[in-house]
Amino acid sequence: MGAPTTTVRVSVDTRDRLRRLSERRGVSTGAILDELAAQAEEQDEVREWAEDLRSLPADQRRAYEEELADWEAVAGDGLSANA
């Protein structure tokens, strides 16, 4: 048996948009809503992370940015994580 379900009230326009998306992708409207909810949660996390970064003192933010640049410089070095 699948996960429990519920009814969500949306405007007719939103329902129609969701239906078009689901038909285009060949998935259920529920799958579209799952994807949109996951995207919204991820956007919130990124926004919170950016706010946290902005709230750091300038020296700590600079140190973080320098370390990030170091990691980005080696990200495409071709070495596997298991090497």
C-alpha atoms as a PDB file:
ATOM      1  CA  MET A   1       0.000   0.000   0.000  1.00  0.00           C
ATOM      2  CA  GLY A   2       1.248   3.534  -0.795  1.00  0.00           C
ATOM      3  CA  ALA A   3       1.749   6.461   1.501  1.00  0.00           C
ATOM      4  CA  PRO A   4      -1.323   8.118   2.996  1.00  0.00           C
ATOM      5  CA  THR A   5      -2.768  10.932   0.861  1.00  0.00           C
ATOM      6  CA  THR A   6      -4.748  14.096   1.403  1.00  0.00           C
ATOM      7  CA  THR A   7      -6.520  16.791  -0.580  1.00  0.00           C
ATOM      8  CA  VAL A   8      -4.884  20.157  -1.237  1.00  0.00           C
ATOM      9  CA  ARG A   9      -6.998  23.106  -2.339  1.00  0.00           C
ATOM     10  CA  VAL A  10      -5.514  25.146  -5.175  1.00  0.00           C
ATOM     11  CA  SER A  11      -6.964  27.526  -7.722  1.00  0.00           C
ATOM     12  CA  VAL A  12      -8.296  26.057 -10.948  1.00  0.00           C
ATOM     13  CA  ASP A  13      -5.438  27.783 -12.791  1.00  0.00           C
ATOM     14  CA  THR A  14      -2.836  26.128 -10.536  1.00  0.00           C
ATOM     15  CA  ARG A  15      -4.541  22.746 -10.913  1.00  0.00           C
ATOM     16  CA  ASP A  16      -4.452  23.116 -14.690  1.00  0.00           C
ATOM     17  CA  ARG A  17      -0.792  24.138 -14.663  1.00  0.00           C
ATOM     18  CA  LEU A  18       0.104  21.148 -12.492  1.00  0.00           C
ATOM     19  CA  ARG A  19      -1.876  18.847 -14.776  1.00  0.00           C
ATOM     20  CA  ARG A  20      -0.062  20.160 -17.873  1.00  0.00           C
ATOM     21  CA  LEU A  21       3.307  19.653 -16.171  1.00  0.00           C
ATOM     22  CA  SER A  22       2.419  16.136 -15.105  1.00  0.00           C
ATOM     23  CA  GLU A  23       1.160  15.210 -18.577  1.00  0.00           C
ATOM     24  CA  ARG A  24       4.259  16.659 -20.250  1.00  0.00           C
ATOM     25  CA  ARG A  25       6.553  14.727 -17.926  1.00  0.00           C
ATOM     26  CA  GLY A  26       4.472  11.587 -17.780  1.00  0.00           C
ATOM     27  CA  VAL A  27       4.249  11.601 -13.988  1.00  0.00           C
ATOM     28  CA  SER A  28       1.469  12.150 -11.486  1.00  0.00           C
ATOM     29  CA  THR A  29       0.459  15.541 -10.171  1.00  0.00           C
ATOM     30  CA  GLY A  30       1.553  14.274  -6.757  1.00  0.00           C
ATOM     31  CA  ALA A  31       5.049  13.642  -8.144  1.00  0.00           C
ATOM     32  CA  ILE A  32       5.137  17.204  -9.484  1.00  0.00           C
ATOM     33  CA  LEU A  33       4.104  18.539  -6.061  1.00  0.00           C
ATOM     34  CA  ASP A  34       6.754  16.371  -4.367  1.00  0.00           C
ATOM     35  CA  GLU A  35       9.404  17.811  -6.694  1.00  0.00           C
ATOM     36  CA  LEU A  36       8.235  21.395  -6.158  1.00  0.00           C
ATOM     37  CA  ALA A  37       8.206  20.946  -2.376  1.00  0.00           C
ATOM     38  CA  ALA A  38      11.738  19.511  -2.456  1.00  0.00           C
ATOM     39  CA  GLN A  39      12.915  22.439  -4.596  1.00  0.00           C
ATOM     40  CA  ALA A  40      11.309  24.956  -2.218  1.00  0.00           C
ATOM     41  CA  GLU A  41      12.966  23.300   0.787  1.00  0.00           C
ATOM     42  CA  GLU A  42      16.337  23.349  -0.959  1.00  0.00           C
ATOM     43  CA  GLN A  43      15.922  27.025  -1.858  1.00  0.00           C
ATOM     44  CA  ASP A  44      15.123  27.816   1.787  1.00  0.00           C
ATOM     45  CA  GLU A  45      18.236  25.949   2.939  1.00  0.00           C
ATOM     46  CA  VAL A  46      20.429  27.826   0.459  1.00  0.00           C
ATOM     47  CA  ARG A  47      18.881  31.135   1.506  1.00  0.00           C
ATOM     48  CA  GLU A  48      19.482  30.342   5.196  1.00  0.00           C
ATOM     49  CA  TRP A  49      23.072  29.304   4.442  1.00  0.00           C
ATOM     50  CA  ALA A  50      23.675  32.562   2.558  1.00  0.00           C
ATOM     51  CA  GLU A  51      22.212  34.568   5.457  1.00  0.00           C
ATOM     52  CA  ASP A  52      24.460  32.704   7.896  1.00  0.00           C
ATOM     53  CA  LEU A  53      27.469  33.423   5.703  1.00  0.00           C
ATOM     54  CA  ARG A  54      26.606  37.126   5.510  1.00  0.00           C
ATOM     55  CA  SER A  55      26.285  37.271   9.289  1.00  0.00           C
ATOM     56  CA  LEU A  56      29.878  36.064   9.836  1.00  0.00           C
ATOM     57  CA  PRO A  57      32.489  38.644  10.799  1.00  0.00           C
ATOM     58  CA  ALA A  58      34.436  39.808   7.739  1.00  0.00           C
ATOM     59  CA  ASP A  59      37.615  37.904   8.641  1.00  0.00           C
ATOM     60  CA  GLN A  60      35.755  34.614   9.117  1.00  0.00           C
ATOM     61  CA  ARG A  61      33.807  35.121   5.887  1.00  0.00           C
ATOM     62  CA  ARG A  62      37.052  35.873   4.018  1.00  0.00           C
ATOM     63  CA  ALA A  63      38.698  32.742   5.469  1.00  0.00           C
ATOM     64  CA  TYR A  64      35.716  30.651   4.413  1.00  0.00           C
ATOM     65  CA  GLU A  65      35.750  32.120   0.900  1.00  0.00           C
ATOM     66  CA  GLU A  66      39.484  31.437   0.581  1.00  0.00           C
ATOM     67  CA  GLU A  67      39.044  27.823   1.669  1.00  0.00           C
ATOM     68  CA  LEU A  68      36.124  27.420  -0.709  1.00  0.00           C
ATOM     69  CA  ALA A  69      38.265  28.764  -3.565  1.00  0.00           C
ATOM     70  CA  ASP A  70      40.978  26.227  -2.670  1.00  0.00           C
ATOM     71  CA  TRP A  71      38.458  23.368  -2.783  1.00  0.00           C
ATOM     72  CA  GLU A  72      36.987  24.595  -6.066  1.00  0.00           C
ATOM     73  CA  ALA A  73      40.481  24.739  -7.575  1.00  0.00           C
ATOM     74  CA  VAL A  74      40.957  21.005  -7.013  1.00  0.00           C
ATOM     75  CA  ALA A  75      37.339  19.915  -7.666  1.00  0.00           C
ATOM     76  CA  GLY A  76      38.057  19.276 -11.337  1.00  0.00           C
ATOM     77  CA  ASP A  77      41.503  17.733 -10.899  1.00  0.00           C
ATOM     78  CA  GLY A  78      40.371  14.395 -12.308  1.00  0.00           C
ATOM     79  CA  LEU A  79      41.172  12.447  -9.165  1.00  0.00           C
ATOM     80  CA  SER A  80      38.455  10.189  -7.828  1.00  0.00           C
ATOM     81  CA  ALA A  81      37.295  10.493  -4.261  1.00  0.00           C
ATOM     82  CA  ASN A  82      38.674   6.975  -3.680  1.00  0.00           C
ATOM     83  CA  ALA A  83      42.169   7.749  -4.936  1.00  0.00           C
END
